[in-house]
Amino acid sequence: LDRLRLTKERIHAMAEGIREVVALPDPVGEVEQTVTRPNGLTIQKVRV
């Protein structure tokens, strides 16, 4: 029952949890590795 119960304080904590995600680094678009091959190709490993 306690797992299921919501209170005003718990809803506020849920909203704060969302706001905390705002402060986290965005992994999308992060370039994890860049390799330039002998033939001139540039290969990037990108987070999506």
ModelCIF file with pLDDT and N, C-alpha, C, O atoms, coordinates in Angstrom:
data_MODEL
#
_entry.id   MODEL 
#
_entity.id                         1 
_entity.type                       polymer 
_entity.pdbx_number_of_molecules   1 
#
_entity_poly.entity_id                      1 
_entity_poly.type                           'polypeptide(L)' 
_entity_poly.nstd_linkage                   no 
_entity_poly.nstd_monomer                   no 
_entity_poly.pdbx_seq_one_letter_code       LDRLRLTKERIHAMAEGIREVVALPDPVGEVEQTVTRPNGLTIQKVRV 
_entity_poly.pdbx_seq_one_letter_code_can   LDRLRLTKERIHAMAEGIREVVALPDPVGEVEQTVTRPNGLTIQKVRV 
_entity_poly.pdbx_strand_id                 A 
#
loop_
_entity_poly_seq.entity_id 
_entity_poly_seq.num 
_entity_poly_seq.mon_id 
_entity_poly_seq.hetero 
1 1  LEU n 
1 2  ASP n 
1 3  ARG n 
1 4  LEU n 
1 5  ARG n 
1 6  LEU n 
1 7  THR n 
1 8  LYS n 
1 9  GLU n 
1 10 ARG n 
1 11 ILE n 
1 12 HIS n 
1 13 ALA n 
1 14 MET n 
1 15 ALA n 
1 16 GLU n 
1 17 GLY n 
1 18 ILE n 
1 19 ARG n 
1 20 GLU n 
1 21 VAL n 
1 22 VAL n 
1 23 ALA n 
1 24 LEU n 
1 25 PRO n 
1 26 ASP n 
1 27 PRO n 
1 28 VAL n 
1 29 GLY n 
1 30 GLU n 
1 31 VAL n 
1 32 GLU n 
1 33 GLN n 
1 34 THR n 
1 35 VAL n 
1 36 THR n 
1 37 ARG n 
1 38 PRO n 
1 39 ASN n 
1 40 GLY n 
1 41 LEU n 
1 42 THR n 
1 43 ILE n 
1 44 GLN n 
1 45 LYS n 
1 46 VAL n 
1 47 ARG n 
1 48 VAL n 
#
_struct_asym.id          A 
_struct_asym.entity_id   1 
#
loop_
_ma_qa_metric.id 
_ma_qa_metric.mode 
_ma_qa_metric.name 
_ma_qa_metric.software_group_id 
_ma_qa_metric.type 
1 global pLDDT . pLDDT 
2 local  pLDDT . pLDDT 
#
_ma_qa_metric_global.metric_id      1 
_ma_qa_metric_global.metric_value   95.08 
_ma_qa_metric_global.model_id       1 
_ma_qa_metric_global.ordinal_id     1 
#
loop_
_ma_qa_metric_local.label_asym_id 
_ma_qa_metric_local.label_comp_id 
_ma_qa_metric_local.label_seq_id 
_ma_qa_metric_local.metric_id 
_ma_qa_metric_local.metric_value 
_ma_qa_metric_local.model_id 
_ma_qa_metric_local.ordinal_id 
A LEU 1  2 87.00 1 1  
A ASP 2  2 85.00 1 2  
A ARG 3  2 84.00 1 3  
A LEU 4  2 91.00 1 4  
A ARG 5  2 93.00 1 5  
A LEU 6  2 95.00 1 6  
A THR 7  2 96.00 1 7  
A LYS 8  2 97.00 1 8  
A GLU 9  2 97.00 1 9  
A ARG 10 2 96.00 1 10 
A ILE 11 2 97.00 1 11 
A HIS 12 2 97.00 1 12 
A ALA 13 2 93.00 1 13 
A MET 14 2 94.00 1 14 
A ALA 15 2 96.00 1 15 
A GLU 16 2 93.00 1 16 
A GLY 17 2 90.00 1 17 
A ILE 18 2 93.00 1 18 
A ARG 19 2 94.00 1 19 
A GLU 20 2 91.00 1 20 
A VAL 21 2 93.00 1 21 
A VAL 22 2 95.00 1 22 
A ALA 23 2 93.00 1 23 
A LEU 24 2 93.00 1 24 
A PRO 25 2 94.00 1 25 
A ASP 26 2 96.00 1 26 
A PRO 27 2 96.00 1 27 
A VAL 28 2 97.00 1 28 
A GLY 29 2 97.00 1 29 
A GLU 30 2 97.00 1 30 
A VAL 31 2 97.00 1 31 
A GLU 32 2 96.00 1 32 
A GLN 33 2 97.00 1 33 
A THR 34 2 98.00 1 34 
A VAL 35 2 98.00 1 35 
A THR 36 2 98.00 1 36 
A ARG 37 2 97.00 1 37 
A PRO 38 2 97.00 1 38 
A ASN 39 2 97.00 1 39 
A GLY 40 2 97.00 1 40 
A LEU 41 2 98.00 1 41 
A THR 42 2 98.00 1 42 
A ILE 43 2 98.00 1 43 
A GLN 44 2 98.00 1 44 
A LYS 45 2 97.00 1 45 
A VAL 46 2 98.00 1 46 
A ARG 47 2 97.00 1 47 
A VAL 48 2 98.00 1 48 
#
loop_
_atom_site.group_PDB 
_atom_site.id 
_atom_site.type_symbol 
_atom_site.label_atom_id 
_atom_site.label_alt_id 
_atom_site.label_comp_id 
_atom_site.label_asym_id 
_atom_site.label_entity_id 
_atom_site.label_seq_id 
_atom_site.pdbx_PDB_ins_code 
_atom_site.Cartn_x 
_atom_site.Cartn_y 
_atom_site.Cartn_z 
_atom_site.occupancy 
_atom_site.B_iso_or_equiv 
_atom_site.pdbx_formal_charge 
_atom_site.auth_seq_id 
_atom_site.auth_comp_id 
_atom_site.auth_asym_id 
_atom_site.auth_atom_id 
_atom_site.pdbx_PDB_model_num 
ATOM 1   N N  . LEU A 1 1  ? 0.829  -1.204 0.000   1.00 87.00 ? 1  LEU A N  1 
ATOM 2   C CA . LEU A 1 1  ? 0.000  0.000  0.000   1.00 87.00 ? 1  LEU A CA 1 
ATOM 3   C C  . LEU A 1 1  ? 0.864  1.255  0.000   1.00 87.00 ? 1  LEU A C  1 
ATOM 4   O O  . LEU A 1 1  ? 0.546  2.244  -0.659  1.00 87.00 ? 1  LEU A O  1 
ATOM 5   N N  . ASP A 1 2  ? 1.960  1.199  0.747   1.00 85.00 ? 2  ASP A N  1 
ATOM 6   C CA . ASP A 1 2  ? 2.846  2.357  0.803   1.00 85.00 ? 2  ASP A CA 1 
ATOM 7   C C  . ASP A 1 2  ? 3.499  2.617  -0.555  1.00 85.00 ? 2  ASP A C  1 
ATOM 8   O O  . ASP A 1 2  ? 3.746  3.770  -0.910  1.00 85.00 ? 2  ASP A O  1 
ATOM 9   N N  . ARG A 1 3  ? 3.776  1.572  -1.307  1.00 84.00 ? 3  ARG A N  1 
ATOM 10  C CA . ARG A 1 3  ? 4.336  1.739  -2.656  1.00 84.00 ? 3  ARG A CA 1 
ATOM 11  C C  . ARG A 1 3  ? 3.352  2.471  -3.553  1.00 84.00 ? 3  ARG A C  1 
ATOM 12  O O  . ARG A 1 3  ? 3.746  3.255  -4.417  1.00 84.00 ? 3  ARG A O  1 
ATOM 13  N N  . LEU A 1 4  ? 2.075  2.210  -3.342  1.00 91.00 ? 4  LEU A N  1 
ATOM 14  C CA . LEU A 1 4  ? 1.030  2.765  -4.201  1.00 91.00 ? 4  LEU A CA 1 
ATOM 15  C C  . LEU A 1 4  ? 0.623  4.185  -3.800  1.00 91.00 ? 4  LEU A C  1 
ATOM 16  O O  . LEU A 1 4  ? 0.213  4.984  -4.642  1.00 91.00 ? 4  LEU A O  1 
ATOM 17  N N  . ARG A 1 5  ? 0.739  4.481  -2.529  1.00 93.00 ? 5  ARG A N  1 
ATOM 18  C CA . ARG A 1 5  ? 0.206  5.750  -2.009  1.00 93.00 ? 5  ARG A CA 1 
ATOM 19  C C  . ARG A 1 5  ? 0.988  6.956  -2.519  1.00 93.00 ? 5  ARG A C  1 
ATOM 20  O O  . ARG A 1 5  ? 2.219  6.949  -2.540  1.00 93.00 ? 5  ARG A O  1 
ATOM 21  N N  . LEU A 1 6  ? 0.254  7.995  -2.930  1.00 95.00 ? 6  LEU A N  1 
ATOM 22  C CA . LEU A 1 6  ? 0.850  9.279  -3.282  1.00 95.00 ? 6  LEU A CA 1 
ATOM 23  C C  . LEU A 1 6  ? 0.403  10.342 -2.287  1.00 95.00 ? 6  LEU A C  1 
ATOM 24  O O  . LEU A 1 6  ? -0.714 10.303 -1.770  1.00 95.00 ? 6  LEU A O  1 
ATOM 25  N N  . THR A 1 7  ? 1.283  11.274 -2.037  1.00 96.00 ? 7  THR A N  1 
ATOM 26  C CA . THR A 1 7  ? 0.973  12.429 -1.200  1.00 96.00 ? 7  THR A CA 1 
ATOM 27  C C  . THR A 1 7  ? 1.442  13.668 -1.941  1.00 96.00 ? 7  THR A C  1 
ATOM 28  O O  . THR A 1 7  ? 2.126  13.571 -2.960  1.00 96.00 ? 7  THR A O  1 
ATOM 29  N N  . LYS A 1 8  ? 1.077  14.823 -1.430  1.00 97.00 ? 8  LYS A N  1 
ATOM 30  C CA . LYS A 1 8  ? 1.541  16.063 -2.041  1.00 97.00 ? 8  LYS A CA 1 
ATOM 31  C C  . LYS A 1 8  ? 3.060  16.111 -2.051  1.00 97.00 ? 8  LYS A C  1 
ATOM 32  O O  . LYS A 1 8  ? 3.665  16.575 -3.017  1.00 97.00 ? 8  LYS A O  1 
ATOM 33  N N  . GLU A 1 9  ? 3.675  15.632 -0.975  1.00 97.00 ? 9  GLU A N  1 
ATOM 34  C CA . GLU A 1 9  ? 5.134  15.638 -0.870  1.00 97.00 ? 9  GLU A CA 1 
ATOM 35  C C  . GLU A 1 9  ? 5.760  14.690 -1.893  1.00 97.00 ? 9  GLU A C  1 
ATOM 36  O O  . GLU A 1 9  ? 6.788  15.010 -2.490  1.00 97.00 ? 9  GLU A O  1 
ATOM 37  N N  . ARG A 1 10 ? 5.147  13.534 -2.093  1.00 96.00 ? 10 ARG A N  1 
ATOM 38  C CA . ARG A 1 10 ? 5.693  12.578 -3.054  1.00 96.00 ? 10 ARG A CA 1 
ATOM 39  C C  . ARG A 1 10 ? 5.540  13.094 -4.487  1.00 96.00 ? 10 ARG A C  1 
ATOM 40  O O  . ARG A 1 10 ? 6.424  12.878 -5.316  1.00 96.00 ? 10 ARG A O  1 
ATOM 41  N N  . ILE A 1 11 ? 4.450  13.760 -4.781  1.00 97.00 ? 11 ILE A N  1 
ATOM 42  C CA . ILE A 1 11 ? 4.277  14.326 -6.122  1.00 97.00 ? 11 ILE A CA 1 
ATOM 43  C C  . ILE A 1 11 ? 5.302  15.437 -6.355  1.00 97.00 ? 11 ILE A C  1 
ATOM 44  O O  . ILE A 1 11 ? 5.859  15.556 -7.447  1.00 97.00 ? 11 ILE A O  1 
ATOM 45  N N  . HIS A 1 12 ? 5.547  16.247 -5.328  1.00 97.00 ? 12 HIS A N  1 
ATOM 46  C CA . HIS A 1 12 ? 6.591  17.265 -5.439  1.00 97.00 ? 12 HIS A CA 1 
ATOM 47  C C  . HIS A 1 12 ? 7.947  16.612 -5.685  1.00 97.00 ? 12 HIS A C  1 
ATOM 48  O O  . HIS A 1 12 ? 8.737  17.100 -6.493  1.00 97.00 ? 12 HIS A O  1 
ATOM 49  N N  . ALA A 1 13 ? 8.217  15.506 -4.987  1.00 93.00 ? 13 ALA A N  1 
ATOM 50  C CA . ALA A 1 13 ? 9.488  14.794 -5.178  1.00 93.00 ? 13 ALA A CA 1 
ATOM 51  C C  . ALA A 1 13 ? 9.586  14.236 -6.595  1.00 93.00 ? 13 ALA A C  1 
ATOM 52  O O  . ALA A 1 13 ? 10.668 14.235 -7.182  1.00 93.00 ? 13 ALA A O  1 
ATOM 53  N N  . MET A 1 14 ? 8.471  13.762 -7.150  1.00 94.00 ? 14 MET A N  1 
ATOM 54  C CA . MET A 1 14 ? 8.465  13.277 -8.529  1.00 94.00 ? 14 MET A CA 1 
ATOM 55  C C  . MET A 1 14 ? 8.799  14.409 -9.501  1.00 94.00 ? 14 MET A C  1 
ATOM 56  O O  . MET A 1 14 ? 9.574  14.227 -10.439 1.00 94.00 ? 14 MET A O  1 
ATOM 57  N N  . ALA A 1 15 ? 8.203  15.578 -9.263  1.00 96.00 ? 15 ALA A N  1 
ATOM 58  C CA . ALA A 1 15 ? 8.489  16.738 -10.113 1.00 96.00 ? 15 ALA A CA 1 
ATOM 59  C C  . ALA A 1 15 ? 9.953  17.152 -9.991  1.00 96.00 ? 15 ALA A C  1 
ATOM 60  O O  . ALA A 1 15 ? 10.594 17.491 -10.986 1.00 96.00 ? 15 ALA A O  1 
ATOM 61  N N  . GLU A 1 16 ? 10.476 17.120 -8.764  1.00 93.00 ? 16 GLU A N  1 
ATOM 62  C CA . GLU A 1 16 ? 11.889 17.450 -8.570  1.00 93.00 ? 16 GLU A CA 1 
ATOM 63  C C  . GLU A 1 16 ? 12.790 16.439 -9.263  1.00 93.00 ? 16 GLU A C  1 
ATOM 64  O O  . GLU A 1 16 ? 13.854 16.792 -9.772  1.00 93.00 ? 16 GLU A O  1 
ATOM 65  N N  . GLY A 1 17 ? 12.360 15.181 -9.281  1.00 90.00 ? 17 GLY A N  1 
ATOM 66  C CA . GLY A 1 17 ? 13.129 14.168 -10.004 1.00 90.00 ? 17 GLY A CA 1 
ATOM 67  C C  . GLY A 1 17 ? 13.228 14.481 -11.486 1.00 90.00 ? 17 GLY A C  1 
ATOM 68  O O  . GLY A 1 17 ? 14.272 14.275 -12.103 1.00 90.00 ? 17 GLY A O  1 
ATOM 69  N N  . ILE A 1 18 ? 12.136 14.978 -12.055 1.00 93.00 ? 18 ILE A N  1 
ATOM 70  C CA . ILE A 1 18 ? 12.161 15.383 -13.465 1.00 93.00 ? 18 ILE A CA 1 
ATOM 71  C C  . ILE A 1 18 ? 13.126 16.550 -13.653 1.00 93.00 ? 18 ILE A C  1 
ATOM 72  O O  . ILE A 1 18 ? 13.906 16.569 -14.605 1.00 93.00 ? 18 ILE A O  1 
ATOM 73  N N  . ARG A 1 19 ? 13.070 17.523 -12.742 1.00 94.00 ? 19 ARG A N  1 
ATOM 74  C CA . ARG A 1 19 ? 13.946 18.694 -12.862 1.00 94.00 ? 19 ARG A CA 1 
ATOM 75  C C  . ARG A 1 19 ? 15.418 18.306 -12.713 1.00 94.00 ? 19 ARG A C  1 
ATOM 76  O O  . ARG A 1 19 ? 16.290 18.924 -13.323 1.00 94.00 ? 19 ARG A O  1 
ATOM 77  N N  . GLU A 1 20 ? 15.688 17.292 -11.908 1.00 91.00 ? 20 GLU A N  1 
ATOM 78  C CA . GLU A 1 20 ? 17.071 16.847 -11.755 1.00 91.00 ? 20 GLU A CA 1 
ATOM 79  C C  . GLU A 1 20 ? 17.615 16.258 -13.056 1.00 91.00 ? 20 GLU A C  1 
ATOM 80  O O  . GLU A 1 20 ? 18.811 16.354 -13.332 1.00 91.00 ? 20 GLU A O  1 
ATOM 81  N N  . VAL A 1 21 ? 16.740 15.652 -13.850 1.00 93.00 ? 21 VAL A N  1 
ATOM 82  C CA . VAL A 1 21 ? 17.176 15.104 -15.134 1.00 93.00 ? 21 VAL A CA 1 
ATOM 83  C C  . VAL A 1 21 ? 17.631 16.226 -16.072 1.00 93.00 ? 21 VAL A C  1 
ATOM 84  O O  . VAL A 1 21 ? 18.520 16.027 -16.900 1.00 93.00 ? 21 VAL A O  1 
ATOM 85  N N  . VAL A 1 22 ? 17.020 17.397 -15.937 1.00 95.00 ? 22 VAL A N  1 
ATOM 86  C CA . VAL A 1 22 ? 17.404 18.548 -16.759 1.00 95.00 ? 22 VAL A CA 1 
ATOM 87  C C  . VAL A 1 22 ? 18.893 18.860 -16.588 1.00 95.00 ? 22 VAL A C  1 
ATOM 88  O O  . VAL A 1 22 ? 19.571 19.226 -17.547 1.00 95.00 ? 22 VAL A O  1 
ATOM 89  N N  . ALA A 1 23 ? 19.387 18.715 -15.374 1.00 93.00 ? 23 ALA A N  1 
ATOM 90  C CA . ALA A 1 23 ? 20.777 19.075 -15.082 1.00 93.00 ? 23 ALA A CA 1 
ATOM 91  C C  . ALA A 1 23 ? 21.785 18.028 -15.563 1.00 93.00 ? 23 ALA A C  1 
ATOM 92  O O  . ALA A 1 23 ? 22.989 18.283 -15.564 1.00 93.00 ? 23 ALA A O  1 
ATOM 93  N N  . LEU A 1 24 ? 21.303 16.865 -15.966 1.00 93.00 ? 24 LEU A N  1 
ATOM 94  C CA . LEU A 1 24 ? 22.210 15.796 -16.375 1.00 93.00 ? 24 LEU A CA 1 
ATOM 95  C C  . LEU A 1 24 ? 22.699 16.003 -17.805 1.00 93.00 ? 24 LEU A C  1 
ATOM 96  O O  . LEU A 1 24 ? 21.979 16.566 -18.631 1.00 93.00 ? 24 LEU A O  1 
ATOM 97  N N  . PRO A 1 25 ? 23.909 15.557 -18.101 1.00 94.00 ? 25 PRO A N  1 
ATOM 98  C CA . PRO A 1 25 ? 24.427 15.671 -19.474 1.00 94.00 ? 25 PRO A CA 1 
ATOM 99  C C  . PRO A 1 25 ? 23.570 14.879 -20.448 1.00 94.00 ? 25 PRO A C  1 
ATOM 100 O O  . PRO A 1 25 ? 23.108 13.782 -20.133 1.00 94.00 ? 25 PRO A O  1 
ATOM 101 N N  . ASP A 1 26 ? 23.362 15.436 -21.622 1.00 96.00 ? 26 ASP A N  1 
ATOM 102 C CA . ASP A 1 26 ? 22.593 14.773 -22.674 1.00 96.00 ? 26 ASP A CA 1 
ATOM 103 C C  . ASP A 1 26 ? 23.531 13.848 -23.453 1.00 96.00 ? 26 ASP A C  1 
ATOM 104 O O  . ASP A 1 26 ? 24.491 14.319 -24.062 1.00 96.00 ? 26 ASP A O  1 
ATOM 105 N N  . PRO A 1 27 ? 23.266 12.541 -23.442 1.00 96.00 ? 27 PRO A N  1 
ATOM 106 C CA . PRO A 1 27 ? 24.175 11.634 -24.156 1.00 96.00 ? 27 PRO A CA 1 
ATOM 107 C C  . PRO A 1 27 ? 23.985 11.649 -25.665 1.00 96.00 ? 27 PRO A C  1 
ATOM 108 O O  . PRO A 1 27 ? 24.872 11.223 -26.404 1.00 96.00 ? 27 PRO A O  1 
ATOM 109 N N  . VAL A 1 28 ? 22.831 12.137 -26.134 1.00 97.00 ? 28 VAL A N  1 
ATOM 110 C CA . VAL A 1 28 ? 22.523 12.078 -27.561 1.00 97.00 ? 28 VAL A CA 1 
ATOM 111 C C  . VAL A 1 28 ? 23.467 12.998 -28.344 1.00 97.00 ? 28 VAL A C  1 
ATOM 112 O O  . VAL A 1 28 ? 23.620 14.174 -28.015 1.00 97.00 ? 28 VAL A O  1 
ATOM 113 N N  . GLY A 1 29 ? 24.078 12.457 -29.354 1.00 97.00 ? 29 GLY A N  1 
ATOM 114 C CA . GLY A 1 29 ? 25.018 13.218 -30.160 1.00 97.00 ? 29 GLY A CA 1 
ATOM 115 C C  . GLY A 1 29 ? 26.451 13.157 -29.668 1.00 97.00 ? 29 GLY A C  1 
ATOM 116 O O  . GLY A 1 29 ? 27.360 13.666 -30.323 1.00 97.00 ? 29 GLY A O  1 
ATOM 117 N N  . GLU A 1 30 ? 26.654 12.537 -28.521 1.00 97.00 ? 30 GLU A N  1 
ATOM 118 C CA . GLU A 1 30 ? 28.017 12.416 -27.989 1.00 97.00 ? 30 GLU A CA 1 
ATOM 119 C C  . GLU A 1 30 ? 28.869 11.563 -28.933 1.00 97.00 ? 30 GLU A C  1 
ATOM 120 O O  . GLU A 1 30 ? 28.471 10.463 -29.318 1.00 97.00 ? 30 GLU A O  1 
ATOM 121 N N  . VAL A 1 31 ? 30.034 12.077 -29.299 1.00 97.00 ? 31 VAL A N  1 
ATOM 122 C CA . VAL A 1 31 ? 30.956 11.342 -30.175 1.00 97.00 ? 31 VAL A CA 1 
ATOM 123 C C  . VAL A 1 31 ? 31.897 10.539 -29.287 1.00 97.00 ? 31 VAL A C  1 
ATOM 124 O O  . VAL A 1 31 ? 32.747 11.100 -28.596 1.00 97.00 ? 31 VAL A O  1 
ATOM 125 N N  . GLU A 1 32 ? 31.739 9.235  -29.313 1.00 96.00 ? 32 GLU A N  1 
ATOM 126 C CA . GLU A 1 32 ? 32.533 8.381  -28.432 1.00 96.00 ? 32 GLU A CA 1 
ATOM 127 C C  . GLU A 1 32 ? 33.899 8.051  -29.017 1.00 96.00 ? 32 GLU A C  1 
ATOM 128 O O  . GLU A 1 32 ? 34.845 7.775  -28.279 1.00 96.00 ? 32 GLU A O  1 
ATOM 129 N N  . GLN A 1 33 ? 33.999 8.077  -30.319 1.00 97.00 ? 33 GLN A N  1 
ATOM 130 C CA . GLN A 1 33 ? 35.276 7.697  -30.942 1.00 97.00 ? 33 GLN A CA 1 
ATOM 131 C C  . GLN A 1 33 ? 35.344 8.289  -32.340 1.00 97.00 ? 33 GLN A C  1 
ATOM 132 O O  . GLN A 1 33 ? 34.345 8.302  -33.058 1.00 97.00 ? 33 GLN A O  1 
ATOM 133 N N  . THR A 1 34 ? 36.494 8.771  -32.725 1.00 98.00 ? 34 THR A N  1 
ATOM 134 C CA . THR A 1 34 ? 36.715 9.259  -34.090 1.00 98.00 ? 34 THR A CA 1 
ATOM 135 C C  . THR A 1 34 ? 37.977 8.603  -34.634 1.00 98.00 ? 34 THR A C  1 
ATOM 136 O O  . THR A 1 34 ? 39.039 8.639  -34.012 1.00 98.00 ? 34 THR A O  1 
ATOM 137 N N  . VAL A 1 35 ? 37.835 8.010  -35.793 1.00 98.00 ? 35 VAL A N  1 
ATOM 138 C CA . VAL A 1 35 ? 38.971 7.344  -36.436 1.00 98.00 ? 35 VAL A CA 1 
ATOM 139 C C  . VAL A 1 35 ? 39.092 7.870  -37.861 1.00 98.00 ? 35 VAL A C  1 
ATOM 140 O O  . VAL A 1 35 ? 38.100 7.927  -38.588 1.00 98.00 ? 35 VAL A O  1 
ATOM 141 N N  . THR A 1 36 ? 40.286 8.251  -38.258 1.00 98.00 ? 36 THR A N  1 
ATOM 142 C CA . THR A 1 36 ? 40.542 8.646  -39.641 1.00 98.00 ? 36 THR A CA 1 
ATOM 143 C C  . THR A 1 36 ? 41.343 7.537  -40.316 1.00 98.00 ? 36 THR A C  1 
ATOM 144 O O  . THR A 1 36 ? 42.455 7.210  -39.902 1.00 98.00 ? 36 THR A O  1 
ATOM 145 N N  . ARG A 1 37 ? 40.756 6.971  -41.356 1.00 97.00 ? 37 ARG A N  1 
ATOM 146 C CA . ARG A 1 37 ? 41.378 5.848  -42.034 1.00 97.00 ? 37 ARG A CA 1 
ATOM 147 C C  . ARG A 1 37 ? 42.434 6.322  -43.047 1.00 97.00 ? 37 ARG A C  1 
ATOM 148 O O  . ARG A 1 37 ? 42.409 7.483  -43.454 1.00 97.00 ? 37 ARG A O  1 
ATOM 149 N N  . PRO A 1 38 ? 43.358 5.443  -43.458 1.00 97.00 ? 38 PRO A N  1 
ATOM 150 C CA . PRO A 1 38 ? 44.377 5.827  -44.437 1.00 97.00 ? 38 PRO A CA 1 
ATOM 151 C C  . PRO A 1 38 ? 43.801 6.343  -45.763 1.00 97.00 ? 38 PRO A C  1 
ATOM 152 O O  . PRO A 1 38 ? 44.446 7.114  -46.474 1.00 97.00 ? 38 PRO A O  1 
ATOM 153 N N  . ASN A 1 39 ? 42.579 5.905  -46.080 1.00 97.00 ? 39 ASN A N  1 
ATOM 154 C CA . ASN A 1 39 ? 41.970 6.358  -47.329 1.00 97.00 ? 39 ASN A CA 1 
ATOM 155 C C  . ASN A 1 39 ? 41.261 7.706  -47.185 1.00 97.00 ? 39 ASN A C  1 
ATOM 156 O O  . ASN A 1 39 ? 40.645 8.186  -48.136 1.00 97.00 ? 39 ASN A O  1 
ATOM 157 N N  . GLY A 1 40 ? 41.345 8.318  -46.001 1.00 97.00 ? 40 GLY A N  1 
ATOM 158 C CA . GLY A 1 40 ? 40.760 9.628  -45.788 1.00 97.00 ? 40 GLY A CA 1 
ATOM 159 C C  . GLY A 1 40 ? 39.372 9.620  -45.181 1.00 97.00 ? 40 GLY A C  1 
ATOM 160 O O  . GLY A 1 40 ? 38.865 10.681 -44.816 1.00 97.00 ? 40 GLY A O  1 
ATOM 161 N N  . LEU A 1 41 ? 38.734 8.453  -45.058 1.00 98.00 ? 41 LEU A N  1 
ATOM 162 C CA . LEU A 1 41 ? 37.420 8.383  -44.427 1.00 98.00 ? 41 LEU A CA 1 
ATOM 163 C C  . LEU A 1 41 ? 37.533 8.726  -42.942 1.00 98.00 ? 41 LEU A C  1 
ATOM 164 O O  . LEU A 1 41 ? 38.438 8.249  -42.258 1.00 98.00 ? 41 LEU A O  1 
ATOM 165 N N  . THR A 1 42 ? 36.618 9.548  -42.452 1.00 98.00 ? 42 THR A N  1 
ATOM 166 C CA . THR A 1 42 ? 36.522 9.829  -41.019 1.00 98.00 ? 42 THR A CA 1 
ATOM 167 C C  . THR A 1 42 ? 35.307 9.094  -40.476 1.00 98.00 ? 42 THR A C  1 
ATOM 168 O O  . THR A 1 42 ? 34.186 9.311  -40.935 1.00 98.00 ? 42 THR A O  1 
ATOM 169 N N  . ILE A 1 43 ? 35.532 8.225  -39.498 1.00 98.00 ? 43 ILE A N  1 
ATOM 170 C CA . ILE A 1 43 ? 34.471 7.379  -38.943 1.00 98.00 ? 43 ILE A CA 1 
ATOM 171 C C  . ILE A 1 43 ? 34.251 7.789  -37.490 1.00 98.00 ? 43 ILE A C  1 
ATOM 172 O O  . ILE A 1 43 ? 35.169 7.741  -36.671 1.00 98.00 ? 43 ILE A O  1 
ATOM 173 N N  . GLN A 1 44 ? 33.024 8.190  -37.187 1.00 98.00 ? 44 GLN A N  1 
ATOM 174 C CA . GLN A 1 44 ? 32.666 8.586  -35.827 1.00 98.00 ? 44 GLN A CA 1 
ATOM 175 C C  . GLN A 1 44 ? 31.609 7.649  -35.255 1.00 98.00 ? 44 GLN A C  1 
ATOM 176 O O  . GLN A 1 44 ? 30.659 7.264  -35.937 1.00 98.00 ? 44 GLN A O  1 
ATOM 177 N N  . LYS A 1 45 ? 31.797 7.293  -33.991 1.00 97.00 ? 45 LYS A N  1 
ATOM 178 C CA . LYS A 1 45 ? 30.818 6.488  -33.251 1.00 97.00 ? 45 LYS A CA 1 
ATOM 179 C C  . LYS A 1 45 ? 29.996 7.456  -32.402 1.00 97.00 ? 45 LYS A C  1 
ATOM 180 O O  . LYS A 1 45 ? 30.522 8.069  -31.473 1.00 97.00 ? 45 LYS A O  1 
ATOM 181 N N  . VAL A 1 46 ? 28.712 7.595  -32.716 1.00 98.00 ? 46 VAL A N  1 
ATOM 182 C CA . VAL A 1 46 ? 27.874 8.653  -32.154 1.00 98.00 ? 46 VAL A CA 1 
ATOM 183 C C  . VAL A 1 46 ? 26.701 8.060  -31.389 1.00 98.00 ? 46 VAL A C  1 
ATOM 184 O O  . VAL A 1 46 ? 26.041 7.137  -31.867 1.00 98.00 ? 46 VAL A O  1 
ATOM 185 N N  . ARG A 1 47 ? 26.442 8.596  -30.192 1.00 97.00 ? 47 ARG A N  1 
ATOM 186 C CA . ARG A 1 47 ? 25.298 8.170  -29.370 1.00 97.00 ? 47 ARG A CA 1 
ATOM 187 C C  . ARG A 1 47 ? 23.986 8.652  -29.981 1.00 97.00 ? 47 ARG A C  1 
ATOM 188 O O  . ARG A 1 47 ? 23.855 9.820  -30.349 1.00 97.00 ? 47 ARG A O  1 
ATOM 189 N N  . VAL A 1 48 ? 22.999 7.728  -30.087 1.00 98.00 ? 48 VAL A N  1 
ATOM 190 C CA . VAL A 1 48 ? 21.684 8.058  -30.638 1.00 98.00 ? 48 VAL A CA 1 
ATOM 191 C C  . VAL A 1 48 ? 20.600 7.396  -29.772 1.00 98.00 ? 48 VAL A C  1 
ATOM 192 O O  . VAL A 1 48 ? 19.410 7.541  -30.054 1.00 98.00 ? 48 VAL A O  1 
#
